[in-house]
Protein backbone atom coordinates (compact mmCIF):
# COMPACT_ATOMS: atom_id res chain seq x y z
CA MET A 1 10.32 -2.79 37.82
CA THR A 2 11.10 0.75 36.66
CA ALA A 3 8.71 2.89 34.62
CA GLY A 4 10.80 2.37 31.47
CA GLN A 5 10.85 -1.39 31.92
CA ASP A 6 7.12 -1.38 32.58
CA ARG A 7 6.49 0.51 29.32
CA ARG A 8 8.70 -1.88 27.40
CA ALA A 9 6.85 -4.84 28.92
CA VAL A 10 3.50 -3.32 27.93
CA ALA A 11 4.76 -2.67 24.39
CA ALA A 12 6.09 -6.24 24.08
CA GLY A 13 2.77 -7.63 25.24
CA GLN A 14 0.85 -5.49 22.76
CA ILE A 15 3.11 -6.53 19.88
CA THR A 16 2.93 -10.24 20.80
CA ALA A 17 -0.85 -10.14 21.03
CA GLY A 18 -1.01 -8.33 17.70
CA VAL A 19 1.20 -10.89 15.98
CA ILE A 20 -0.80 -13.82 17.38
CA LEU A 21 -4.11 -12.26 16.36
CA LEU A 22 -2.79 -11.40 12.87
CA ALA A 23 -1.58 -14.97 12.32
CA ALA A 24 -4.96 -16.34 13.46
CA LEU A 25 -6.83 -13.91 11.19
CA LEU A 26 -4.67 -14.81 8.20
CA ALA A 27 -5.29 -18.54 8.74
CA LEU A 28 -9.02 -17.93 9.20
CA ALA A 29 -9.18 -15.70 6.12
CA SER A 30 -7.41 -18.28 3.96
CA VAL A 31 -9.77 -21.04 5.08
CA GLY A 32 -12.76 -18.77 4.60
CA TYR A 33 -11.59 -17.79 1.11
CA HIS A 34 -11.36 -21.40 -0.08
CA ALA A 35 -14.72 -22.23 1.55
CA VAL A 36 -16.40 -19.34 -0.24
CA GLU A 37 -14.84 -20.31 -3.54
CA ARG A 38 -16.34 -23.79 -3.20
CA VAL A 39 -19.76 -22.36 -2.26
CA ARG A 40 -19.77 -20.09 -5.36
CA ASP A 41 -19.98 -23.15 -7.59
CA THR A 42 -23.19 -24.52 -6.02
CA PRO A 43 -26.57 -24.44 -7.80
CA VAL A 44 -28.08 -22.12 -5.15
CA VAL A 45 -25.48 -19.40 -5.83
CA ALA A 46 -25.94 -19.84 -9.57
CA PHE A 47 -29.73 -19.43 -9.17
CA ILE A 48 -29.28 -16.21 -7.16
CA GLY A 49 -26.86 -14.87 -9.78
CA GLU A 50 -29.39 -15.36 -12.56
CA HIS A 51 -32.06 -13.21 -10.84
CA PRO A 52 -31.18 -9.45 -10.64
CA LEU A 53 -33.22 -8.69 -7.49
CA LEU A 54 -31.91 -11.69 -5.56
CA ASN A 55 -28.39 -10.95 -6.72
CA ALA A 56 -28.60 -7.31 -5.62
CA PHE A 57 -30.05 -8.26 -2.23
CA ALA A 58 -27.40 -10.95 -1.64
CA LYS A 59 -24.55 -8.62 -2.54
CA SER A 60 -25.95 -5.81 -0.38
CA PHE A 61 -26.33 -8.22 2.54
CA ILE A 62 -22.76 -9.50 2.17
CA VAL A 63 -21.30 -5.99 1.84
CA ALA A 64 -23.22 -4.70 4.91
CA ASN A 65 -22.05 -7.59 7.10
CA PHE A 66 -18.49 -7.41 5.70
CA VAL A 67 -18.23 -3.69 6.50
CA THR A 68 -19.64 -4.20 10.01
CA LEU A 69 -17.14 -6.98 10.84
CA HIS A 70 -14.18 -4.97 9.56
CA VAL A 71 -15.27 -1.91 11.46
CA LEU A 72 -15.56 -3.94 14.71
CA PHE A 73 -11.96 -5.09 14.21
CA LEU A 74 -10.67 -1.63 13.23
CA ILE A 75 -12.21 0.02 16.29
CA TRP A 76 -10.49 -2.53 18.53
CA TRP A 77 -7.24 -2.20 16.60
CA GLU A 78 -7.19 1.61 16.86
CA ARG A 79 -7.75 1.41 20.60
CA LYS A 80 -4.92 -1.07 21.02
CA PHE A 81 -2.65 0.92 18.70
CA ALA A 82 -3.43 4.16 20.60
CA GLY A 83 -2.58 2.35 23.81
CA TRP A 84 0.73 1.26 22.36
CA MET A 85 1.50 4.83 21.19
CA GLN A 86 0.70 6.19 24.67
CA ALA A 87 2.38 3.37 26.70
CA ARG A 88 -0.83 1.98 28.14
CA LEU A 89 -2.81 -1.24 27.73
CA GLY A 90 -5.92 -0.19 25.86
CA PRO A 91 -8.89 -2.62 25.90
CA LYS A 92 -7.98 -5.55 28.13
CA HIS A 93 -10.84 -7.10 30.10
CA VAL A 94 -13.73 -8.01 27.73
CA GLY A 95 -12.59 -11.08 25.82
CA TRP A 96 -9.05 -12.11 25.05
CA ASN A 97 -6.90 -8.96 25.10
CA GLY A 98 -10.06 -6.87 24.95
CA LEU A 99 -11.11 -8.33 21.57
CA ALA A 100 -14.81 -8.29 22.53
CA GLN A 101 -14.72 -4.70 23.85
CA THR A 102 -16.26 -3.30 20.68
CA VAL A 103 -19.12 -5.83 20.80
CA ALA A 104 -19.77 -4.87 24.44
CA ASP A 105 -19.84 -1.20 23.46
CA ALA A 106 -22.31 -1.98 20.64
CA VAL A 107 -24.60 -3.76 23.10
CA LYS A 108 -24.32 -0.80 25.45
CA LEU A 109 -25.32 1.63 22.67
CA LEU A 110 -28.24 -0.59 21.73
CA LEU A 111 -29.57 -0.37 25.27
CA LYS A 112 -29.17 3.40 25.55
CA GLU A 113 -32.14 5.71 25.22
CA ASP A 114 -32.56 7.33 21.77
CA ILE A 115 -32.94 11.00 22.65
CA ILE A 116 -34.21 13.60 20.20
CA PRO A 117 -33.78 17.23 21.44
CA ALA A 118 -37.03 19.07 21.91
CA LYS A 119 -36.14 21.85 19.47
CA ALA A 120 -34.50 19.67 16.85
CA ASP A 121 -35.82 19.14 13.34
CA GLY A 122 -37.05 15.62 14.00
CA ARG A 123 -37.03 14.27 10.46
CA LEU A 124 -33.58 15.63 9.58
CA PHE A 125 -32.15 14.55 12.94
CA VAL A 126 -33.46 10.99 12.56
CA ILE A 127 -32.42 10.42 8.92
CA ALA A 128 -28.97 12.06 9.08
CA PRO A 129 -27.04 9.01 10.43
CA PHE A 130 -28.39 6.89 7.61
CA LEU A 131 -27.52 9.58 5.03
CA VAL A 132 -23.96 9.27 6.27
CA PHE A 133 -23.81 5.48 6.47
CA MET A 134 -25.54 4.47 3.21
CA PRO A 135 -23.09 6.14 0.78
CA THR A 136 -20.32 4.32 2.61
CA LEU A 137 -21.95 0.96 1.83
CA LEU A 138 -22.37 1.93 -1.78
CA THR A 139 -18.70 2.73 -2.26
CA PHE A 140 -17.78 -0.79 -1.10
CA MET A 141 -19.80 -2.21 -3.98
CA VAL A 142 -17.07 -1.13 -6.49
CA LEU A 143 -14.01 -1.82 -4.26
CA PRO A 144 -12.24 -4.86 -5.78
CA PHE A 145 -10.81 -7.32 -3.26
CA SER A 146 -9.75 -9.37 -6.30
CA ALA A 147 -10.68 -9.60 -9.97
CA SER A 148 -13.76 -11.71 -9.06
CA TRP A 149 -14.44 -10.44 -5.52
CA VAL A 150 -16.16 -7.18 -6.38
CA GLY A 151 -19.79 -6.25 -5.93
CA TYR A 152 -20.23 -4.51 -9.30
CA ASN A 153 -17.50 -4.14 -11.90
CA PHE A 154 -18.22 -1.38 -14.37
CA GLY A 155 -16.06 1.02 -16.36
CA LEU A 156 -16.47 4.10 -14.18
CA GLY A 157 -15.68 2.56 -10.82
CA ALA A 158 -13.14 5.22 -9.72
CA LEU A 159 -15.44 8.13 -10.58
CA PHE A 160 -18.45 6.38 -8.99
CA ALA A 161 -16.52 5.89 -5.74
CA LEU A 162 -15.49 9.55 -5.60
CA ALA A 163 -18.96 10.81 -6.46
CA VAL A 164 -20.75 8.65 -3.89
CA SER A 165 -18.24 9.24 -1.09
CA THR A 166 -18.81 12.97 -1.40
CA ASN A 167 -22.50 12.55 -0.51
CA VAL A 168 -21.50 11.81 3.08
CA SER A 169 -21.23 15.57 3.56
CA LEU A 170 -25.02 15.91 2.96
CA GLY A 171 -25.75 13.67 5.92
CA ILE A 172 -23.23 15.53 8.10
CA LEU A 173 -24.81 18.88 7.21
CA ALA A 174 -28.28 17.46 7.93
CA ALA A 175 -27.03 16.26 11.35
CA GLY A 176 -25.58 19.70 12.12
CA TRP A 177 -28.70 21.60 11.03
CA GLY A 178 -31.28 19.14 12.37
CA ALA A 179 -29.86 19.11 15.92
CA ASN A 180 -30.57 22.85 16.39
CA ASN A 181 -27.32 23.16 18.33
CA LYS A 182 -24.62 25.74 17.66
CA TYR A 183 -21.78 23.30 18.10
CA SER A 184 -23.44 20.77 15.77
CA LEU A 185 -24.09 23.42 13.16
CA LEU A 186 -20.54 24.70 13.21
CA GLY A 187 -19.26 21.11 12.95
CA GLY A 188 -21.57 20.35 10.01
CA ALA A 189 -20.60 23.57 8.19
CA ARG A 190 -16.90 22.84 8.72
CA ALA A 191 -17.32 19.30 7.44
CA CYS A 192 -19.09 20.40 4.25
CA ALA A 193 -16.52 23.08 3.49
CA GLN A 194 -13.66 20.67 4.19
CA VAL A 195 -15.06 17.79 2.07
CA LEU A 196 -15.94 19.99 -0.90
CA ALA A 197 -12.54 21.72 -0.84
CA TYR A 198 -10.39 18.59 -0.50
CA GLU A 199 -12.48 16.63 -3.00
CA VAL A 200 -10.92 18.72 -5.74
CA PRO A 201 -7.25 17.71 -5.25
CA LEU A 202 -8.39 14.15 -4.33
CA ALA A 203 -10.22 13.73 -7.61
CA ILE A 204 -7.32 15.21 -9.57
CA THR A 205 -4.85 12.72 -8.00
CA VAL A 206 -7.19 9.83 -8.90
CA LEU A 207 -7.34 11.14 -12.46
CA ALA A 208 -3.52 11.15 -12.46
CA VAL A 209 -3.60 7.38 -11.88
CA VAL A 210 -6.25 7.08 -14.56
CA ALA A 211 -4.04 8.97 -16.98
CA VAL A 212 -1.19 6.52 -16.37
CA SER A 213 -3.34 3.37 -16.39
CA GLY A 214 -5.55 4.37 -19.34
CA THR A 215 -8.76 3.13 -17.61
CA VAL A 216 -11.29 4.30 -15.02
CA SER A 217 -12.24 0.81 -13.88
CA LEU A 218 -10.82 -0.06 -10.47
CA VAL A 219 -10.63 -3.74 -11.43
CA ASP A 220 -8.61 -2.95 -14.52
CA ILE A 221 -6.33 -0.60 -12.60
CA GLY A 222 -5.66 -3.32 -10.08
CA ALA A 223 -5.18 -5.99 -12.75
CA GLN A 224 -2.46 -3.92 -14.47
CA GLN A 225 -0.31 -4.17 -11.34
CA SER A 226 0.17 -7.94 -11.42
CA ARG A 227 3.94 -7.52 -11.90
CA TRP A 228 4.82 -4.08 -10.52
CA TRP A 229 2.89 -1.76 -8.25
CA ASN A 230 2.00 1.60 -9.76
CA ILE A 231 3.97 3.38 -7.03
CA VAL A 232 7.06 1.41 -8.14
CA ALA A 233 6.59 1.16 -11.91
CA HIS A 234 5.68 4.85 -12.25
CA ALA A 235 7.51 6.14 -9.18
CA PRO A 236 8.35 9.66 -10.47
CA VAL A 237 4.68 10.59 -10.76
CA MET A 238 2.93 8.08 -8.51
CA ILE A 239 4.86 8.79 -5.31
CA PRO A 240 3.83 12.50 -5.30
CA ALA A 241 0.31 11.43 -6.31
CA PHE A 242 0.09 9.02 -3.37
CA VAL A 243 1.34 11.64 -0.89
CA LEU A 244 -1.33 14.08 -2.13
CA PHE A 245 -3.98 11.33 -2.08
CA LEU A 246 -3.13 10.42 1.52
CA ILE A 247 -3.30 14.04 2.70
CA CYS A 248 -6.62 14.60 0.95
CA ALA A 249 -8.00 11.28 2.23
CA LEU A 250 -7.24 12.27 5.83
CA ALA A 251 -9.10 15.53 5.28
CA GLU A 252 -12.06 13.73 3.64
CA LEU A 253 -12.23 11.38 6.60
CA ASN A 254 -12.08 14.17 9.18
CA ARG A 255 -9.07 12.46 10.74
CA THR A 256 -6.35 14.25 12.67
CA PRO A 257 -4.77 16.68 11.77
CA PHE A 258 -7.94 17.56 9.82
CA ASP A 259 -10.54 16.70 12.47
CA LEU A 260 -11.88 20.27 12.67
CA PRO A 261 -15.60 19.20 12.36
CA GLU A 262 -15.29 17.14 15.57
CA ALA A 263 -12.75 19.23 17.44
CA GLU A 264 -13.44 18.27 21.07
CA SER A 265 -11.68 21.32 22.52
CA GLU A 266 -13.82 23.70 20.41
CA LEU A 267 -17.12 21.94 19.42
CA VAL A 268 -17.65 19.31 22.12
CA SER A 269 -18.21 16.53 19.57
CA GLY A 270 -19.11 18.46 16.45
CA PHE A 271 -22.05 17.47 14.32
CA HIS A 272 -22.96 14.43 16.45
CA THR A 273 -22.92 16.26 19.79
CA GLU A 274 -26.67 15.65 20.36
CA TYR A 275 -26.74 12.03 19.22
CA SER A 276 -26.92 8.98 21.46
CA GLY A 277 -27.53 5.26 21.20
CA MET A 278 -27.46 3.58 17.83
CA ARG A 279 -27.77 6.78 15.88
CA PHE A 280 -24.40 7.83 17.29
CA ALA A 281 -23.10 4.34 16.51
CA PHE A 282 -23.97 4.79 12.86
CA PHE A 283 -21.73 7.85 12.66
CA TYR A 284 -18.95 5.84 14.29
CA LEU A 285 -19.48 2.93 11.87
CA ALA A 286 -19.46 5.27 8.87
CA GLU A 287 -16.20 6.94 10.02
CA PHE A 288 -14.28 3.67 10.32
CA ALA A 289 -15.85 2.18 7.19
CA ASN A 290 -14.84 5.26 5.19
CA ASN A 291 -11.38 4.91 6.67
CA PHE A 292 -11.15 1.32 5.38
CA PHE A 293 -12.57 2.34 1.99
CA MET A 294 -10.11 5.18 1.40
CA ALA A 295 -7.21 2.92 2.38
CA GLY A 296 -8.56 0.19 0.09
CA LEU A 297 -8.86 2.68 -2.77
CA ALA A 298 -5.26 3.76 -2.23
CA VAL A 299 -4.16 0.09 -2.26
CA THR A 300 -6.03 -0.45 -5.57
CA LEU A 301 -4.57 2.66 -7.20
CA PHE A 302 -0.99 2.54 -5.92
CA PHE A 303 -0.02 -0.68 -4.12
CA GLY A 304 -0.89 -3.52 -6.44
CA GLY A 305 -4.42 -4.21 -5.25
CA TRP A 306 -4.92 -7.87 -4.46
CA PHE A 307 -1.64 -9.21 -5.86
CA GLY A 308 0.86 -10.92 -3.55
CA PRO A 309 2.63 -14.24 -3.03
CA LEU A 310 1.21 -17.42 -1.50
CA LEU A 311 -1.96 -16.01 0.15
CA PRO A 312 -5.27 -15.50 -1.74
CA GLY A 313 -5.87 -12.13 -3.37
CA PRO A 314 -8.60 -10.90 -0.98
CA VAL A 315 -6.36 -11.71 2.01
CA TRP A 316 -3.50 -9.71 0.50
CA PHE A 317 -5.85 -6.82 -0.22
CA THR A 318 -7.05 -6.79 3.40
CA ILE A 319 -3.46 -6.96 4.78
CA LYS A 320 -2.37 -3.99 2.65
CA THR A 321 -5.47 -2.00 3.53
CA VAL A 322 -5.19 -2.62 7.28
CA GLY A 323 -1.51 -1.64 7.07
CA LEU A 324 -2.40 1.65 5.44
CA VAL A 325 -5.18 2.23 7.99
CA THR A 326 -2.56 1.71 10.69
CA ALA A 327 -0.36 4.35 9.09
CA MET A 328 -3.33 6.74 9.22
CA MET A 329 -3.78 5.91 12.91
CA TRP A 330 -0.09 6.66 13.50
CA ILE A 331 -0.55 10.11 11.94
CA ARG A 332 -3.65 10.69 14.09
CA TRP A 333 -1.77 10.08 17.32
CA THR A 334 1.31 12.01 16.26
CA VAL A 335 0.36 15.21 14.42
CA PRO A 336 -1.48 18.12 16.12
CA ARG A 337 -4.69 19.63 14.72
CA PHE A 338 -4.61 22.52 12.20
CA ARG A 339 -6.58 25.76 12.53
CA VAL A 340 -9.54 26.17 10.14
CA ASP A 341 -7.85 28.94 8.12
CA GLN A 342 -4.63 26.91 7.87
CA MET A 343 -6.55 23.87 6.65
CA MET A 344 -8.50 25.66 3.93
CA GLY A 345 -5.53 27.76 2.84
CA PHE A 346 -3.35 24.64 2.63
CA CYS A 347 -5.91 23.04 0.31
CA TRP A 348 -6.40 25.88 -2.18
CA LYS A 349 -2.89 27.33 -2.11
CA VAL A 350 -0.80 24.15 -1.97
CA LEU A 351 -2.71 20.93 -2.69
CA VAL A 352 -4.77 22.07 -5.70
CA PRO A 353 -1.78 23.54 -7.64
CA ALA A 354 0.38 20.52 -6.68
CA SER A 355 -2.28 18.05 -7.82
CA LEU A 356 -2.62 19.86 -11.16
CA VAL A 357 1.16 19.62 -11.65
CA VAL A 358 1.10 15.92 -10.80
CA PHE A 359 -1.83 15.33 -13.16
CA CYS A 360 -0.10 17.04 -16.09
CA ALA A 361 3.13 15.13 -15.37
CA SER A 362 1.18 11.86 -15.15
CA ALA A 363 -0.58 12.55 -18.45
CA LEU A 364 2.80 13.11 -20.17
CA TRP A 365 4.25 10.08 -18.43
CA GLY A 366 1.32 7.92 -19.53
CA MET A 367 1.69 9.07 -23.14
CA TRP A 368 5.39 8.23 -23.00
CA VAL A 369 4.82 4.77 -21.42
CA GLN A 370 2.04 3.81 -23.82
CA ARG A 371 3.96 5.01 -26.86
């Protein structure tokens, strides 16, 4: 077998495994959805819903486990997708097609020694991973998987999500400063500058969607797209808004080509250079959870949220979100990294003016549509 035939065989095997796994996940998700819907009508669930503390604890528990399960899948999926992009197998040996590789890695990290550098600021160093991970969990509380599958539905959901997601930079800066390492400090400083800069055009593009929809509630924005997606119904303004949102989201997530805070060729591993064990795992969990959240936010704003034929709403929402996450992975393994000056200049000189133009156009479009 020639090298070209071998690569094609590897690609065919990867695609076949992906299709089989996707079909199995869809079937499992549909069964799970109907099972959960039946459980919601039981007296126990009604009792929990009537007590605020129990309700908050139950929702937090569900969100935390949901995020963890999705992250385990996304880590495996990115490894397989990267293998397909690079004509190699990716995870293969632990479980069917390497499906249990992420679980094995989690067990390995649990067994590793938790090292705190001698000259580190112990309190900052210890708390930083949780300062990064906790805002991520909070953002999922307002992400609507359907009109009824949302942790908390209140009128300022879009603004709440943006405000809370920005707080991740505080944990990253604490990790960089607390490690007392020059590479960590440079990575933390870069991350803060990057997040604060790109938060401006990101917020403006979200406000552009708000101007067209006439509401700040993520549930209401999703519900308005029952017939036509925003990116179709308002294509002249929503297509540019989505392109700007995607670019800013990649920068917020520190994903290639905006992965300057973790640039391996310059900063070893950036702000988590000194971390090991489960503290390092929390950074990894937060990165992939944020990736899923940003993709889910884009699906809610532009791609019809949970609406779709045949399958339940939460299943459609997950399919769209994983599809957008896959597109982000494709960009990661295709586009080279920017320089720091190029990245910051691109934000202030290109993205901010462009987002302001899109916002003004969206406001005029919204006035014309609602007239």
